[in-house]
Amino acid sequence: MNTGSDIRQQFISSRSQLHDAAARILGCRQRAEDVLQDAYVKLADGIEELHIKNPLAYLYQLVRNLAIDRHRRGVFESQVFSPEEDGIHVGAPSSSPEAHAIHTQHLMMVARALGTLPERTRNAFELHRLAGKTQREIAAQLGISTTLVNFMISDAMTCCRDALRAGA
């Protein structure tokens, strides 16, 4: 019986032949190199537990199976996924002039609605929604409780929502 180190030594000495075998299956020397790396990793993991009578035949079969698996995966991926270069010609979503006008109109309605709120409520809302501050940070900055900040933000959201519904 052969030990794990004997099989690894056989792999190293037969590397070029194993590489050629994988390249014939895959049609690509670089992908064959990847298969050999995978095969060596498999050999490094628990080869001592195996009792192999013919290590060279075992190595060829291992490389062959890995190459076939990689080839099948490549065929499957080419059927499912488009080549990366195809994405170059995909245009970025752009809004139409009409959509831009509607968004501008909505922003103006929200700005008018916020203008009707008490200054402290509007300030709390802007700090939260525009500046990204937490309610705790706003409470500390304005010298009020976090509960009050929560209510003020909720009131401002309701005011904006009502303004947008009334304008629709």
N, C-alpha and C. Protein backbone atom coordinates (compact mmCIF):
# COMPACT_ATOMS: atom_id res chain seq x y z
N MET A 1 0.84 -1.19 0.00
CA MET A 1 0.00 0.00 0.00
C MET A 1 0.88 1.25 0.00
N ASN A 2 0.35 2.30 -0.56
CA ASN A 2 1.08 3.56 -0.64
C ASN A 2 0.62 4.51 0.44
N THR A 3 1.57 5.27 0.96
CA THR A 3 1.23 6.27 1.97
C THR A 3 0.84 7.56 1.29
N GLY A 4 0.33 8.48 2.07
CA GLY A 4 -0.06 9.78 1.54
C GLY A 4 1.10 10.53 0.94
N SER A 5 2.26 10.44 1.56
CA SER A 5 3.42 11.15 1.02
C SER A 5 3.87 10.52 -0.29
N ASP A 6 3.72 9.19 -0.46
CA ASP A 6 4.06 8.54 -1.73
C ASP A 6 3.16 9.06 -2.85
N ILE A 7 1.88 9.20 -2.55
CA ILE A 7 0.92 9.65 -3.56
C ILE A 7 1.18 11.11 -3.92
N ARG A 8 1.47 11.93 -2.94
CA ARG A 8 1.80 13.33 -3.22
C ARG A 8 3.07 13.42 -4.06
N GLN A 9 4.05 12.58 -3.76
CA GLN A 9 5.29 12.56 -4.54
C GLN A 9 5.00 12.12 -5.99
N GLN A 10 4.13 11.13 -6.15
CA GLN A 10 3.73 10.68 -7.49
C GLN A 10 3.02 11.80 -8.23
N PHE A 11 2.20 12.58 -7.52
CA PHE A 11 1.49 13.71 -8.12
C PHE A 11 2.51 14.73 -8.65
N ILE A 12 3.50 15.04 -7.84
CA ILE A 12 4.50 16.03 -8.23
C ILE A 12 5.30 15.54 -9.44
N SER A 13 5.69 14.30 -9.44
CA SER A 13 6.49 13.79 -10.56
C SER A 13 5.66 13.61 -11.84
N SER A 14 4.35 13.45 -11.73
CA SER A 14 3.48 13.25 -12.90
C SER A 14 2.69 14.51 -13.24
N ARG A 15 3.04 15.60 -12.65
CA ARG A 15 2.26 16.84 -12.79
C ARG A 15 2.04 17.26 -14.24
N SER A 16 3.05 17.25 -15.05
CA SER A 16 2.88 17.72 -16.43
C SER A 16 1.93 16.81 -17.22
N GLN A 17 1.99 15.49 -17.00
CA GLN A 17 1.07 14.58 -17.69
C GLN A 17 -0.37 14.78 -17.20
N LEU A 18 -0.52 15.00 -15.88
CA LEU A 18 -1.85 15.25 -15.33
C LEU A 18 -2.41 16.57 -15.88
N HIS A 19 -1.53 17.55 -16.00
CA HIS A 19 -1.94 18.85 -16.54
C HIS A 19 -2.42 18.70 -17.98
N ASP A 20 -1.68 17.94 -18.77
CA ASP A 20 -2.07 17.71 -20.17
C ASP A 20 -3.42 17.00 -20.25
N ALA A 21 -3.65 16.03 -19.37
CA ALA A 21 -4.91 15.30 -19.37
C ALA A 21 -6.08 16.24 -19.06
N ALA A 22 -5.90 17.10 -18.08
CA ALA A 22 -6.97 18.05 -17.73
C ALA A 22 -7.17 19.06 -18.85
N ALA A 23 -6.09 19.51 -19.48
CA ALA A 23 -6.20 20.49 -20.57
C ALA A 23 -6.94 19.91 -21.77
N ARG A 24 -6.75 18.62 -22.04
CA ARG A 24 -7.48 17.99 -23.15
C ARG A 24 -8.98 18.01 -22.89
N ILE A 25 -9.38 17.80 -21.67
CA ILE A 25 -10.81 17.79 -21.33
C ILE A 25 -11.38 19.20 -21.36
N LEU A 26 -10.65 20.14 -20.81
CA LEU A 26 -11.16 21.50 -20.66
C LEU A 26 -10.89 22.40 -21.87
N GLY A 27 -9.86 22.06 -22.63
CA GLY A 27 -9.52 22.91 -23.77
C GLY A 27 -8.88 24.22 -23.36
N CYS A 28 -8.37 24.29 -22.14
CA CYS A 28 -7.78 25.53 -21.63
C CYS A 28 -6.71 25.17 -20.61
N ARG A 29 -5.50 25.62 -20.84
CA ARG A 29 -4.39 25.27 -19.95
C ARG A 29 -4.54 25.95 -18.59
N GLN A 30 -5.08 27.16 -18.57
CA GLN A 30 -5.24 27.86 -17.29
C GLN A 30 -6.27 27.16 -16.41
N ARG A 31 -7.38 26.77 -17.00
CA ARG A 31 -8.39 26.04 -16.22
C ARG A 31 -7.87 24.69 -15.78
N ALA A 32 -7.01 24.08 -16.59
CA ALA A 32 -6.38 22.80 -16.21
C ALA A 32 -5.48 23.02 -15.00
N GLU A 33 -4.81 24.15 -14.95
CA GLU A 33 -3.97 24.47 -13.79
C GLU A 33 -4.83 24.57 -12.52
N ASP A 34 -6.00 25.17 -12.65
CA ASP A 34 -6.92 25.26 -11.51
C ASP A 34 -7.35 23.86 -11.04
N VAL A 35 -7.59 22.98 -11.99
CA VAL A 35 -7.97 21.61 -11.65
C VAL A 35 -6.85 20.92 -10.88
N LEU A 36 -5.62 21.11 -11.32
CA LEU A 36 -4.50 20.48 -10.62
C LEU A 36 -4.37 21.01 -9.19
N GLN A 37 -4.62 22.28 -9.02
CA GLN A 37 -4.59 22.84 -7.66
C GLN A 37 -5.68 22.21 -6.80
N ASP A 38 -6.87 22.08 -7.37
CA ASP A 38 -7.96 21.43 -6.63
C ASP A 38 -7.60 20.00 -6.28
N ALA A 39 -6.99 19.31 -7.22
CA ALA A 39 -6.61 17.91 -6.98
C ALA A 39 -5.58 17.83 -5.86
N TYR A 40 -4.62 18.72 -5.86
CA TYR A 40 -3.60 18.66 -4.81
C TYR A 40 -4.20 18.95 -3.44
N VAL A 41 -5.15 19.88 -3.40
CA VAL A 41 -5.82 20.17 -2.13
C VAL A 41 -6.57 18.93 -1.64
N LYS A 42 -7.22 18.23 -2.56
CA LYS A 42 -7.91 16.99 -2.18
C LYS A 42 -6.92 15.96 -1.64
N LEU A 43 -5.76 15.89 -2.25
CA LEU A 43 -4.74 14.96 -1.78
C LEU A 43 -4.24 15.34 -0.40
N ALA A 44 -4.15 16.62 -0.14
CA ALA A 44 -3.65 17.08 1.15
C ALA A 44 -4.64 16.79 2.28
N ASP A 45 -5.90 16.68 1.94
CA ASP A 45 -6.94 16.44 2.95
C ASP A 45 -7.23 14.96 3.10
N GLY A 46 -6.62 14.31 4.05
CA GLY A 46 -6.99 12.96 4.43
C GLY A 46 -6.58 11.86 3.49
N ILE A 47 -5.55 12.04 2.70
CA ILE A 47 -5.12 10.98 1.80
C ILE A 47 -4.54 9.79 2.56
N GLU A 48 -4.06 10.02 3.78
CA GLU A 48 -3.48 8.94 4.57
C GLU A 48 -4.51 7.85 4.88
N GLU A 49 -5.78 8.22 4.91
CA GLU A 49 -6.83 7.27 5.25
C GLU A 49 -7.14 6.32 4.10
N LEU A 50 -6.73 6.67 2.87
CA LEU A 50 -7.04 5.85 1.71
C LEU A 50 -5.97 4.79 1.50
N HIS A 51 -6.38 3.66 0.99
CA HIS A 51 -5.46 2.56 0.66
C HIS A 51 -5.48 2.40 -0.85
N ILE A 52 -4.54 3.03 -1.51
CA ILE A 52 -4.51 3.07 -2.98
C ILE A 52 -3.43 2.13 -3.49
N LYS A 53 -3.85 1.21 -4.35
CA LYS A 53 -2.90 0.24 -4.90
C LYS A 53 -2.12 0.81 -6.08
N ASN A 54 -2.80 1.58 -6.94
CA ASN A 54 -2.15 2.15 -8.12
C ASN A 54 -2.29 3.67 -8.07
N PRO A 55 -1.33 4.37 -7.47
CA PRO A 55 -1.47 5.81 -7.27
C PRO A 55 -1.57 6.61 -8.56
N LEU A 56 -0.85 6.21 -9.61
CA LEU A 56 -0.91 6.98 -10.86
C LEU A 56 -2.30 6.90 -11.48
N ALA A 57 -2.90 5.72 -11.48
CA ALA A 57 -4.26 5.57 -12.00
C ALA A 57 -5.24 6.38 -11.16
N TYR A 58 -5.05 6.35 -9.85
CA TYR A 58 -5.90 7.13 -8.96
C TYR A 58 -5.79 8.62 -9.28
N LEU A 59 -4.57 9.11 -9.47
CA LEU A 59 -4.36 10.53 -9.75
C LEU A 59 -4.99 10.93 -11.08
N TYR A 60 -4.82 10.10 -12.12
CA TYR A 60 -5.45 10.40 -13.40
C TYR A 60 -6.97 10.46 -13.27
N GLN A 61 -7.54 9.50 -12.53
CA GLN A 61 -8.99 9.48 -12.35
C GLN A 61 -9.46 10.71 -11.57
N LEU A 62 -8.72 11.08 -10.54
CA LEU A 62 -9.06 12.27 -9.75
C LEU A 62 -9.04 13.52 -10.61
N VAL A 63 -7.98 13.70 -11.37
CA VAL A 63 -7.87 14.88 -12.24
C VAL A 63 -8.95 14.85 -13.31
N ARG A 64 -9.20 13.69 -13.89
CA ARG A 64 -10.23 13.57 -14.92
C ARG A 64 -11.60 13.95 -14.37
N ASN A 65 -11.96 13.43 -13.20
CA ASN A 65 -13.26 13.74 -12.60
C ASN A 65 -13.39 15.23 -12.29
N LEU A 66 -12.34 15.82 -11.74
CA LEU A 66 -12.39 17.25 -11.43
C LEU A 66 -12.50 18.09 -12.70
N ALA A 67 -11.79 17.68 -13.75
CA ALA A 67 -11.85 18.42 -15.02
C ALA A 67 -13.24 18.32 -15.64
N ILE A 68 -13.83 17.14 -15.59
CA ILE A 68 -15.18 16.98 -16.14
C ILE A 68 -16.18 17.82 -15.34
N ASP A 69 -16.06 17.81 -14.02
CA ASP A 69 -16.96 18.63 -13.19
C ASP A 69 -16.81 20.11 -13.54
N ARG A 70 -15.58 20.56 -13.70
CA ARG A 70 -15.35 21.98 -14.02
C ARG A 70 -15.90 22.30 -15.41
N HIS A 71 -15.74 21.39 -16.35
CA HIS A 71 -16.28 21.60 -17.70
C HIS A 71 -17.81 21.71 -17.66
N ARG A 72 -18.44 20.79 -16.94
CA ARG A 72 -19.91 20.82 -16.83
C ARG A 72 -20.40 22.10 -16.18
N ARG A 73 -19.70 22.53 -15.13
CA ARG A 73 -20.08 23.76 -14.46
C ARG A 73 -19.93 24.95 -15.41
N GLY A 74 -18.87 24.96 -16.21
CA GLY A 74 -18.67 26.04 -17.18
C GLY A 74 -19.76 26.08 -18.22
N VAL A 75 -20.18 24.90 -18.72
CA VAL A 75 -21.26 24.84 -19.70
C VAL A 75 -22.56 25.35 -19.07
N PHE A 76 -22.83 24.91 -17.86
CA PHE A 76 -24.05 25.35 -17.17
C PHE A 76 -24.04 26.87 -16.97
N GLU A 77 -22.93 27.40 -16.49
CA GLU A 77 -22.85 28.84 -16.23
C GLU A 77 -22.98 29.65 -17.52
N SER A 78 -22.44 29.14 -18.62
CA SER A 78 -22.57 29.88 -19.88
C SER A 78 -24.02 29.89 -20.37
N GLN A 79 -24.80 28.87 -20.00
CA GLN A 79 -26.21 28.84 -20.39
C GLN A 79 -27.04 29.76 -19.50
N VAL A 80 -26.65 29.89 -18.25
CA VAL A 80 -27.45 30.65 -17.29
C VAL A 80 -27.06 32.13 -17.27
N PHE A 81 -25.77 32.40 -17.35
CA PHE A 81 -25.29 33.77 -17.20
C PHE A 81 -24.80 34.32 -18.53
N SER A 82 -24.98 35.62 -18.71
CA SER A 82 -24.45 36.30 -19.89
C SER A 82 -23.00 36.65 -19.65
N PRO A 83 -22.24 36.78 -20.71
CA PRO A 83 -20.85 37.23 -20.52
C PRO A 83 -20.82 38.61 -19.88
N GLU A 84 -19.80 38.86 -19.11
CA GLU A 84 -19.69 40.12 -18.37
C GLU A 84 -19.68 41.33 -19.31
N GLU A 85 -19.12 41.16 -20.50
CA GLU A 85 -19.02 42.28 -21.44
C GLU A 85 -20.40 42.73 -21.93
N ASP A 86 -21.40 41.85 -21.87
CA ASP A 86 -22.74 42.23 -22.32
C ASP A 86 -23.32 43.36 -21.49
N GLY A 87 -22.88 43.49 -20.26
CA GLY A 87 -23.39 44.54 -19.38
C GLY A 87 -22.91 45.92 -19.73
N ILE A 88 -21.88 46.01 -20.54
CA ILE A 88 -21.33 47.32 -20.92
C ILE A 88 -22.34 48.13 -21.70
N HIS A 89 -23.14 47.46 -22.50
CA HIS A 89 -24.07 48.15 -23.39
C HIS A 89 -25.44 48.39 -22.78
N VAL A 90 -25.61 48.03 -21.52
CA VAL A 90 -26.89 48.24 -20.86
C VAL A 90 -26.91 49.68 -20.34
N GLY A 91 -27.89 50.40 -20.75
CA GLY A 91 -27.99 51.80 -20.33
C GLY A 91 -28.44 51.93 -18.90
N ALA A 92 -27.99 52.98 -18.28
CA ALA A 92 -28.42 53.27 -16.92
C ALA A 92 -29.86 53.75 -16.96
N PRO A 93 -30.65 53.34 -15.97
CA PRO A 93 -32.03 53.81 -15.97
C PRO A 93 -32.07 55.32 -15.79
N SER A 94 -32.72 55.98 -16.69
CA SER A 94 -32.83 57.43 -16.56
C SER A 94 -34.31 57.79 -16.54
N SER A 95 -34.59 58.83 -15.84
CA SER A 95 -35.99 59.22 -15.74
C SER A 95 -36.35 60.13 -16.91
N SER A 96 -37.58 60.05 -17.27
CA SER A 96 -38.07 60.88 -18.36
C SER A 96 -38.24 62.31 -17.84
N PRO A 97 -38.35 63.27 -18.73
CA PRO A 97 -38.60 64.64 -18.28
C PRO A 97 -39.88 64.74 -17.45
N GLU A 98 -40.87 63.95 -17.80
CA GLU A 98 -42.13 63.96 -17.05
C GLU A 98 -41.91 63.47 -15.62
N ALA A 99 -41.17 62.36 -15.48
CA ALA A 99 -40.89 61.82 -14.15
C ALA A 99 -40.08 62.82 -13.34
N HIS A 100 -39.13 63.48 -13.98
CA HIS A 100 -38.32 64.48 -13.29
C HIS A 100 -39.20 65.63 -12.80
N ALA A 101 -40.14 66.07 -13.63
CA ALA A 101 -41.05 67.16 -13.24
C ALA A 101 -41.93 66.74 -12.07
N ILE A 102 -42.40 65.50 -12.09
CA ILE A 102 -43.25 65.01 -11.00
C ILE A 102 -42.46 64.96 -9.70
N HIS A 103 -41.22 64.47 -9.75
CA HIS A 103 -40.38 64.41 -8.55
C HIS A 103 -40.10 65.80 -8.01
N THR A 104 -39.84 66.74 -8.90
CA THR A 104 -39.60 68.12 -8.47
C THR A 104 -40.84 68.70 -7.81
N GLN A 105 -41.99 68.41 -8.39
CA GLN A 105 -43.26 68.88 -7.83
C GLN A 105 -43.49 68.29 -6.44
N HIS A 106 -43.19 67.00 -6.27
CA HIS A 106 -43.36 66.36 -4.97
C HIS A 106 -42.41 66.98 -3.93
N LEU A 107 -41.18 67.24 -4.34
CA LEU A 107 -40.23 67.87 -3.41
C LEU A 107 -40.72 69.24 -2.98
N MET A 108 -41.30 69.98 -3.91
CA MET A 108 -41.82 71.32 -3.55
C MET A 108 -43.00 71.19 -2.59
N MET A 109 -43.86 70.20 -2.78
CA MET A 109 -45.00 70.01 -1.88
C MET A 109 -44.50 69.63 -0.47
N VAL A 110 -43.48 68.77 -0.41
CA VAL A 110 -42.92 68.37 0.89
C VAL A 110 -42.27 69.57 1.56
N ALA A 111 -41.54 70.38 0.80
CA ALA A 111 -40.89 71.56 1.38
C ALA A 111 -41.93 72.54 1.92
N ARG A 112 -43.04 72.74 1.18
CA ARG A 112 -44.10 73.63 1.68
C ARG A 112 -44.73 73.07 2.95
N ALA A 113 -44.96 71.76 2.97
CA ALA A 113 -45.56 71.12 4.15
C ALA A 113 -44.64 71.27 5.35
N LEU A 114 -43.34 71.06 5.16
CA LEU A 114 -42.39 71.22 6.26
C LEU A 114 -42.35 72.66 6.75
N GLY A 115 -42.58 73.61 5.85
CA GLY A 115 -42.60 75.02 6.22
C GLY A 115 -43.75 75.38 7.14
N THR A 116 -44.80 74.57 7.16
CA THR A 116 -45.94 74.85 8.03
C THR A 116 -45.74 74.31 9.44
N LEU A 117 -44.73 73.50 9.64
CA LEU A 117 -44.49 72.87 10.95
C LEU A 117 -43.75 73.84 11.88
N PRO A 118 -43.89 73.63 13.19
CA PRO A 118 -43.07 74.41 14.13
C PRO A 118 -41.58 74.17 13.83
N GLU A 119 -40.77 75.18 14.07
CA GLU A 119 -39.36 75.12 13.72
C GLU A 119 -38.65 73.93 14.37
N ARG A 120 -38.94 73.68 15.64
CA ARG A 120 -38.27 72.59 16.35
C ARG A 120 -38.63 71.22 15.74
N THR A 121 -39.89 71.04 15.34
CA THR A 121 -40.34 69.79 14.72
C THR A 121 -39.67 69.62 13.36
N ARG A 122 -39.67 70.69 12.57
CA ARG A 122 -39.03 70.64 11.26
C ARG A 122 -37.54 70.34 11.40
N ASN A 123 -36.90 70.97 12.38
CA ASN A 123 -35.47 70.77 12.62
C ASN A 123 -35.19 69.32 13.01
N ALA A 124 -36.00 68.76 13.89
CA ALA A 124 -35.83 67.36 14.31
C ALA A 124 -35.98 66.42 13.11
N PHE A 125 -36.98 66.69 12.29
CA PHE A 125 -37.23 65.86 11.10
C PHE A 125 -36.05 65.94 10.13
N GLU A 126 -35.57 67.15 9.87
CA GLU A 126 -34.45 67.32 8.93
C GLU A 126 -33.17 66.68 9.47
N LEU A 127 -32.94 66.81 10.78
CA LEU A 127 -31.75 66.17 11.35
C LEU A 127 -31.82 64.65 11.21
N HIS A 128 -33.02 64.12 11.38
CA HIS A 128 -33.17 62.66 11.30
C HIS A 128 -33.13 62.17 9.86
N ARG A 129 -33.96 62.75 9.00
CA ARG A 129 -34.12 62.23 7.64
C ARG A 129 -33.02 62.69 6.67
N LEU A 130 -32.52 63.90 6.85
CA LEU A 130 -31.53 64.42 5.91
C LEU A 130 -30.10 64.29 6.43
N ALA A 131 -29.90 64.53 7.71
CA ALA A 131 -28.55 64.46 8.27
C ALA A 131 -28.22 63.07 8.79
N GLY A 132 -29.23 62.20 8.91
CA GLY A 132 -28.99 60.83 9.33
C GLY A 132 -28.68 60.67 10.81
N LYS A 133 -29.06 61.62 11.61
CA LYS A 133 -28.80 61.54 13.05
C LYS A 133 -29.82 60.63 13.72
N THR A 134 -29.39 59.99 14.79
CA THR A 134 -30.30 59.14 15.55
C THR A 134 -31.21 60.01 16.41
N GLN A 135 -32.29 59.42 16.86
CA GLN A 135 -33.21 60.17 17.71
C GLN A 135 -32.54 60.57 19.02
N ARG A 136 -31.67 59.73 19.52
CA ARG A 136 -30.95 60.06 20.76
C ARG A 136 -30.03 61.27 20.54
N GLU A 137 -29.34 61.31 19.39
CA GLU A 137 -28.47 62.46 19.08
C GLU A 137 -29.28 63.74 18.93
N ILE A 138 -30.43 63.64 18.29
CA ILE A 138 -31.30 64.82 18.11
C ILE A 138 -31.80 65.31 19.46
N ALA A 139 -32.20 64.36 20.31
CA ALA A 139 -32.70 64.74 21.64
C ALA A 139 -31.61 65.48 22.42
N ALA A 140 -30.39 65.00 22.36
CA ALA A 140 -29.29 65.66 23.07
C ALA A 140 -29.03 67.04 22.48
N GLN A 141 -29.07 67.15 21.16
CA GLN A 141 -28.79 68.43 20.50
C GLN A 141 -29.88 69.46 20.79
N LEU A 142 -31.14 69.03 20.82
CA LEU A 142 -32.24 69.97 21.05
C LEU A 142 -32.60 70.11 22.52
N GLY A 143 -32.03 69.27 23.38
CA GLY A 143 -32.32 69.33 24.81
C GLY A 143 -33.71 68.86 25.15
N ILE A 144 -34.18 67.83 24.48
CA ILE A 144 -35.53 67.28 24.72
C ILE A 144 -35.41 65.76 24.85
N SER A 145 -36.52 65.10 25.19
CA SER A 145 -36.50 63.64 25.36
C SER A 145 -36.57 62.94 24.01
N THR A 146 -36.09 61.71 23.99
CA THR A 146 -36.16 60.93 22.76
C THR A 146 -37.61 60.61 22.39
N THR A 147 -38.46 60.48 23.37
CA THR A 147 -39.88 60.24 23.10
C THR A 147 -40.48 61.40 22.34
N LEU A 148 -40.15 62.62 22.76
CA LEU A 148 -40.66 63.81 22.07
C LEU A 148 -40.10 63.87 20.64
N VAL A 149 -38.83 63.54 20.48
CA VAL A 149 -38.24 63.52 19.14
C VAL A 149 -38.99 62.53 18.27
N ASN A 150 -39.30 61.36 18.79
CA ASN A 150 -40.04 60.35 18.04
C ASN A 150 -41.39 60.90 17.59
N PHE A 151 -42.11 61.57 18.47
CA PHE A 151 -43.41 62.14 18.12
C PHE A 151 -43.27 63.25 17.09
N MET A 152 -42.24 64.07 17.23
CA MET A 152 -42.05 65.17 16.27
C MET A 152 -41.74 64.63 14.88
N ILE A 153 -40.90 63.62 14.79
CA ILE A 153 -40.59 63.02 13.49
C ILE A 153 -41.84 62.38 12.89
N SER A 154 -42.59 61.70 13.72
CA SER A 154 -43.83 61.07 13.25
C SER A 154 -44.82 62.13 12.75
N ASP A 155 -44.95 63.23 13.48
CA ASP A 155 -45.85 64.32 13.05
C ASP A 155 -45.40 64.90 11.71
N ALA A 156 -44.09 65.10 11.55
CA ALA A 156 -43.57 65.66 10.30
C ALA A 156 -43.81 64.69 9.14
N MET A 157 -43.63 63.41 9.36
CA MET A 157 -43.88 62.41 8.31
C MET A 157 -45.36 62.42 7.91
N THR A 158 -46.23 62.51 8.89
CA THR A 158 -47.67 62.55 8.61
C THR A 158 -48.01 63.80 7.80
N CYS A 159 -47.42 64.92 8.16
CA CYS A 159 -47.66 66.17 7.45
C CYS A 159 -47.21 66.05 5.99
N CYS A 160 -46.03 65.48 5.75
CA CYS A 160 -45.52 65.30 4.38
C CYS A 160 -46.39 64.35 3.60
N ARG A 161 -46.78 63.25 4.22
CA ARG A 161 -47.63 62.25 3.55
C ARG A 161 -48.97 62.86 3.17
N ASP A 162 -49.56 63.64 4.09
CA ASP A 162 -50.84 64.29 3.80
C ASP A 162 -50.73 65.28 2.66
N ALA A 163 -49.62 66.01 2.62
CA ALA A 163 -49.41 66.99 1.55
C ALA A 163 -49.30 66.29 0.19
N LEU A 164 -48.60 65.18 0.16
CA LEU A 164 -48.44 64.43 -1.09
C LEU A 164 -49.78 63.82 -1.53
N ARG A 165 -50.57 63.35 -0.59
CA ARG A 165 -51.87 62.77 -0.95
C ARG A 165 -52.82 63.85 -1.45
N ALA A 166 -52.77 65.02 -0.84
CA ALA A 166 -53.65 66.11 -1.24
C ALA A 166 -53.27 66.60 -2.65
N GLY A 167 -51.99 66.53 -2.98
CA GLY A 167 -51.55 67.01 -4.30
C GLY A 167 -51.75 65.99 -5.40
N ALA A 168 -52.00 64.75 -5.03
CA ALA A 168 -52.14 63.70 -6.05
C ALA A 168 -53.45 63.68 -6.73
